[in-house]
N, C-alpha and C. Protein backbone atom coordinates (compact mmCIF):
# COMPACT_ATOMS: atom_id res chain seq x y z
N MET A 1 -16.75 8.47 27.21
CA MET A 1 -16.89 7.21 27.87
C MET A 1 -16.17 6.10 27.10
N LYS A 2 -16.30 6.09 25.80
CA LYS A 2 -15.65 5.07 24.96
C LYS A 2 -14.13 5.16 25.09
N GLU A 3 -13.60 6.38 25.09
CA GLU A 3 -12.15 6.55 25.18
C GLU A 3 -11.63 6.01 26.50
N GLU A 4 -12.35 6.27 27.57
CA GLU A 4 -11.95 5.77 28.88
C GLU A 4 -11.97 4.24 28.91
N GLU A 5 -12.99 3.66 28.32
CA GLU A 5 -13.10 2.20 28.25
C GLU A 5 -11.94 1.60 27.45
N LEU A 6 -11.60 2.22 26.34
CA LEU A 6 -10.47 1.74 25.52
C LEU A 6 -9.16 1.87 26.28
N ARG A 7 -8.99 2.97 26.99
CA ARG A 7 -7.77 3.18 27.77
C ARG A 7 -7.64 2.11 28.85
N ILE A 8 -8.74 1.81 29.51
CA ILE A 8 -8.72 0.78 30.56
C ILE A 8 -8.42 -0.59 29.96
N ARG A 9 -9.01 -0.90 28.82
CA ARG A 9 -8.74 -2.20 28.17
C ARG A 9 -7.26 -2.31 27.78
N ARG A 10 -6.71 -1.23 27.23
CA ARG A 10 -5.29 -1.25 26.86
C ARG A 10 -4.42 -1.47 28.09
N GLU A 11 -4.76 -0.79 29.17
CA GLU A 11 -3.98 -0.93 30.40
C GLU A 11 -4.08 -2.35 30.96
N VAL A 12 -5.26 -2.94 30.92
CA VAL A 12 -5.43 -4.32 31.39
C VAL A 12 -4.60 -5.27 30.54
N LYS A 13 -4.63 -5.09 29.22
CA LYS A 13 -3.83 -5.94 28.33
C LYS A 13 -2.35 -5.77 28.61
N LYS A 14 -1.93 -4.53 28.82
CA LYS A 14 -0.52 -4.25 29.09
C LYS A 14 -0.09 -4.92 30.40
N GLN A 15 -0.89 -4.77 31.44
CA GLN A 15 -0.56 -5.39 32.73
C GLN A 15 -0.56 -6.91 32.64
N THR A 16 -1.53 -7.46 31.94
CA THR A 16 -1.61 -8.92 31.78
C THR A 16 -0.38 -9.44 31.05
N ALA A 17 0.01 -8.76 29.99
CA ALA A 17 1.22 -9.16 29.25
C ALA A 17 2.44 -9.10 30.16
N GLY A 18 2.52 -8.07 30.99
CA GLY A 18 3.64 -7.95 31.92
C GLY A 18 3.68 -9.10 32.91
N TYR A 19 2.51 -9.48 33.43
CA TYR A 19 2.46 -10.60 34.37
C TYR A 19 2.83 -11.92 33.70
N ILE A 20 2.39 -12.11 32.48
CA ILE A 20 2.72 -13.34 31.75
C ILE A 20 4.23 -13.40 31.48
N LEU A 21 4.81 -12.28 31.07
CA LEU A 21 6.26 -12.25 30.84
C LEU A 21 7.03 -12.49 32.13
N ALA A 22 6.55 -11.94 33.23
CA ALA A 22 7.20 -12.17 34.52
C ALA A 22 7.14 -13.65 34.90
N ALA A 23 6.02 -14.30 34.62
CA ALA A 23 5.90 -15.73 34.90
C ALA A 23 6.88 -16.54 34.06
N PHE A 24 7.00 -16.19 32.78
CA PHE A 24 7.98 -16.87 31.94
C PHE A 24 9.40 -16.63 32.45
N GLY A 25 9.67 -15.42 32.88
CA GLY A 25 10.98 -15.11 33.45
C GLY A 25 11.26 -15.94 34.69
N PHE A 26 10.25 -16.14 35.50
CA PHE A 26 10.38 -16.96 36.70
C PHE A 26 10.72 -18.40 36.33
N VAL A 27 10.05 -18.94 35.33
CA VAL A 27 10.31 -20.32 34.88
C VAL A 27 11.74 -20.43 34.35
N VAL A 28 12.17 -19.44 33.59
CA VAL A 28 13.54 -19.44 33.07
C VAL A 28 14.53 -19.39 34.23
N GLY A 29 14.23 -18.56 35.23
CA GLY A 29 15.09 -18.48 36.41
C GLY A 29 15.20 -19.81 37.14
N LEU A 30 14.09 -20.51 37.26
CA LEU A 30 14.12 -21.83 37.90
C LEU A 30 14.97 -22.81 37.10
N ALA A 31 14.87 -22.75 35.78
CA ALA A 31 15.66 -23.64 34.94
C ALA A 31 17.15 -23.36 35.11
N TRP A 32 17.52 -22.07 35.11
CA TRP A 32 18.92 -21.72 35.30
C TRP A 32 19.40 -22.08 36.71
N ASN A 33 18.54 -21.92 37.68
CA ASN A 33 18.87 -22.29 39.05
C ASN A 33 19.27 -23.75 39.11
N ASP A 34 18.47 -24.61 38.51
CA ASP A 34 18.76 -26.04 38.51
C ASP A 34 20.03 -26.34 37.72
N ALA A 35 20.20 -25.68 36.58
CA ALA A 35 21.39 -25.93 35.76
C ALA A 35 22.67 -25.53 36.50
N ILE A 36 22.64 -24.39 37.16
CA ILE A 36 23.84 -23.93 37.88
C ILE A 36 24.14 -24.84 39.07
N LYS A 37 23.11 -25.24 39.79
CA LYS A 37 23.33 -26.16 40.91
C LYS A 37 23.94 -27.47 40.42
N THR A 38 23.42 -28.00 39.32
CA THR A 38 23.95 -29.25 38.77
C THR A 38 25.39 -29.08 38.33
N PHE A 39 25.71 -27.95 37.70
CA PHE A 39 27.08 -27.68 37.27
C PHE A 39 28.03 -27.64 38.47
N ILE A 40 27.62 -26.98 39.54
CA ILE A 40 28.47 -26.89 40.73
C ILE A 40 28.65 -28.26 41.36
N GLU A 41 27.57 -29.03 41.45
CA GLU A 41 27.68 -30.37 42.02
C GLU A 41 28.59 -31.26 41.18
N TYR A 42 28.56 -31.08 39.86
CA TYR A 42 29.41 -31.86 38.97
C TYR A 42 30.87 -31.40 39.07
N SER A 43 31.08 -30.09 39.11
CA SER A 43 32.43 -29.54 39.14
C SER A 43 33.11 -29.72 40.48
N PHE A 44 32.35 -29.63 41.54
CA PHE A 44 32.88 -29.77 42.90
C PHE A 44 32.12 -30.89 43.59
N PRO A 45 32.58 -32.13 43.42
CA PRO A 45 31.82 -33.28 43.93
C PRO A 45 31.82 -33.35 45.46
N LEU A 46 31.21 -32.36 46.07
CA LEU A 46 31.04 -32.34 47.52
C LEU A 46 29.60 -32.71 47.83
N ASN A 47 29.33 -32.86 49.06
CA ASN A 47 27.94 -33.05 49.47
C ASN A 47 27.18 -31.79 49.07
N LYS A 48 26.06 -31.96 48.36
CA LYS A 48 25.35 -30.79 47.84
C LYS A 48 24.79 -29.90 48.94
N ASP A 49 24.71 -30.41 50.16
CA ASP A 49 24.24 -29.61 51.28
C ASP A 49 25.38 -29.01 52.09
N SER A 50 26.61 -29.16 51.60
CA SER A 50 27.75 -28.63 52.34
C SER A 50 27.76 -27.11 52.24
N ILE A 51 28.34 -26.49 53.24
CA ILE A 51 28.39 -25.02 53.29
C ILE A 51 29.23 -24.49 52.13
N LEU A 52 30.28 -25.19 51.75
CA LEU A 52 31.12 -24.72 50.65
C LEU A 52 30.35 -24.70 49.34
N ALA A 53 29.59 -25.74 49.06
CA ALA A 53 28.80 -25.77 47.83
C ALA A 53 27.76 -24.65 47.82
N LYS A 54 27.13 -24.41 48.96
CA LYS A 54 26.14 -23.34 49.03
C LYS A 54 26.78 -21.96 48.87
N LEU A 55 27.96 -21.77 49.44
CA LEU A 55 28.65 -20.49 49.29
C LEU A 55 29.07 -20.25 47.84
N ILE A 56 29.60 -21.28 47.20
CA ILE A 56 29.98 -21.15 45.79
C ILE A 56 28.76 -20.78 44.96
N TYR A 57 27.66 -21.45 45.20
CA TYR A 57 26.42 -21.17 44.47
C TYR A 57 25.96 -19.73 44.72
N ALA A 58 25.97 -19.30 45.98
CA ALA A 58 25.52 -17.95 46.31
C ALA A 58 26.40 -16.89 45.65
N PHE A 59 27.72 -17.07 45.67
CA PHE A 59 28.61 -16.11 45.03
C PHE A 59 28.41 -16.08 43.52
N LEU A 60 28.25 -17.23 42.92
CA LEU A 60 28.06 -17.29 41.48
C LEU A 60 26.76 -16.59 41.07
N ILE A 61 25.68 -16.87 41.76
CA ILE A 61 24.40 -16.24 41.45
C ILE A 61 24.48 -14.74 41.68
N THR A 62 25.10 -14.32 42.77
CA THR A 62 25.24 -12.88 43.05
C THR A 62 26.02 -12.20 41.94
N PHE A 63 27.10 -12.80 41.49
CA PHE A 63 27.91 -12.23 40.42
C PHE A 63 27.10 -12.08 39.14
N ILE A 64 26.35 -13.11 38.78
CA ILE A 64 25.54 -13.07 37.56
C ILE A 64 24.47 -11.99 37.65
N VAL A 65 23.81 -11.90 38.80
CA VAL A 65 22.74 -10.91 38.97
C VAL A 65 23.31 -9.49 38.93
N VAL A 66 24.45 -9.27 39.55
CA VAL A 66 25.07 -7.94 39.52
C VAL A 66 25.43 -7.55 38.09
N LEU A 67 26.03 -8.47 37.34
CA LEU A 67 26.37 -8.17 35.94
C LEU A 67 25.12 -7.85 35.12
N ALA A 68 24.08 -8.64 35.28
CA ALA A 68 22.84 -8.40 34.53
C ALA A 68 22.23 -7.06 34.92
N THR A 69 22.24 -6.73 36.20
CA THR A 69 21.67 -5.47 36.66
C THR A 69 22.43 -4.28 36.09
N VAL A 70 23.74 -4.34 36.14
CA VAL A 70 24.56 -3.25 35.60
C VAL A 70 24.29 -3.09 34.11
N TYR A 71 24.21 -4.19 33.39
CA TYR A 71 23.95 -4.14 31.95
C TYR A 71 22.61 -3.49 31.66
N PHE A 72 21.56 -3.92 32.36
CA PHE A 72 20.23 -3.38 32.10
C PHE A 72 20.11 -1.92 32.50
N VAL A 73 20.74 -1.53 33.60
CA VAL A 73 20.68 -0.13 34.03
C VAL A 73 21.39 0.76 33.00
N LYS A 74 22.56 0.34 32.55
CA LYS A 74 23.27 1.13 31.53
C LYS A 74 22.48 1.21 30.24
N SER A 75 21.89 0.10 29.84
CA SER A 75 21.09 0.08 28.62
C SER A 75 19.90 1.01 28.74
N THR A 76 19.24 0.99 29.88
CA THR A 76 18.08 1.86 30.10
C THR A 76 18.50 3.32 30.12
N GLU A 77 19.61 3.63 30.77
CA GLU A 77 20.09 5.01 30.81
C GLU A 77 20.43 5.52 29.42
N GLU A 78 21.06 4.67 28.60
CA GLU A 78 21.40 5.07 27.24
C GLU A 78 20.14 5.35 26.42
N LYS A 79 19.13 4.53 26.57
CA LYS A 79 17.88 4.74 25.84
C LYS A 79 17.19 6.03 26.29
N LEU A 80 17.25 6.31 27.59
CA LEU A 80 16.64 7.54 28.09
C LEU A 80 17.38 8.77 27.56
N GLU A 81 18.71 8.68 27.48
CA GLU A 81 19.50 9.79 26.95
C GLU A 81 19.22 10.01 25.47
N GLU A 82 19.01 8.92 24.73
CA GLU A 82 18.70 9.04 23.31
C GLU A 82 17.35 9.73 23.10
N ASN A 83 16.41 9.48 23.98
CA ASN A 83 15.08 10.07 23.85
C ASN A 83 15.05 11.54 24.25
N ASN A 84 16.03 11.99 25.00
CA ASN A 84 16.05 13.40 25.43
C ASN A 84 16.75 14.26 24.45
């Protein structure tokens, strides 16, 4: 019974830590979102609601997310190969 209780407590702590880290990641994402929007508005002084500004922003964010995803997937695959 004690072992099961300890296992459950560890799992709750692990999940809670994951949720807290995800929340921090969300806040960081919001900060970068604002920074990138401001950079685009400064670099391309168009109406911030123009379709061109929104397209530039969408392409830039997509490019960054694809690069980050490829990096993390490769890193994870390398770690899995090292463990095998």
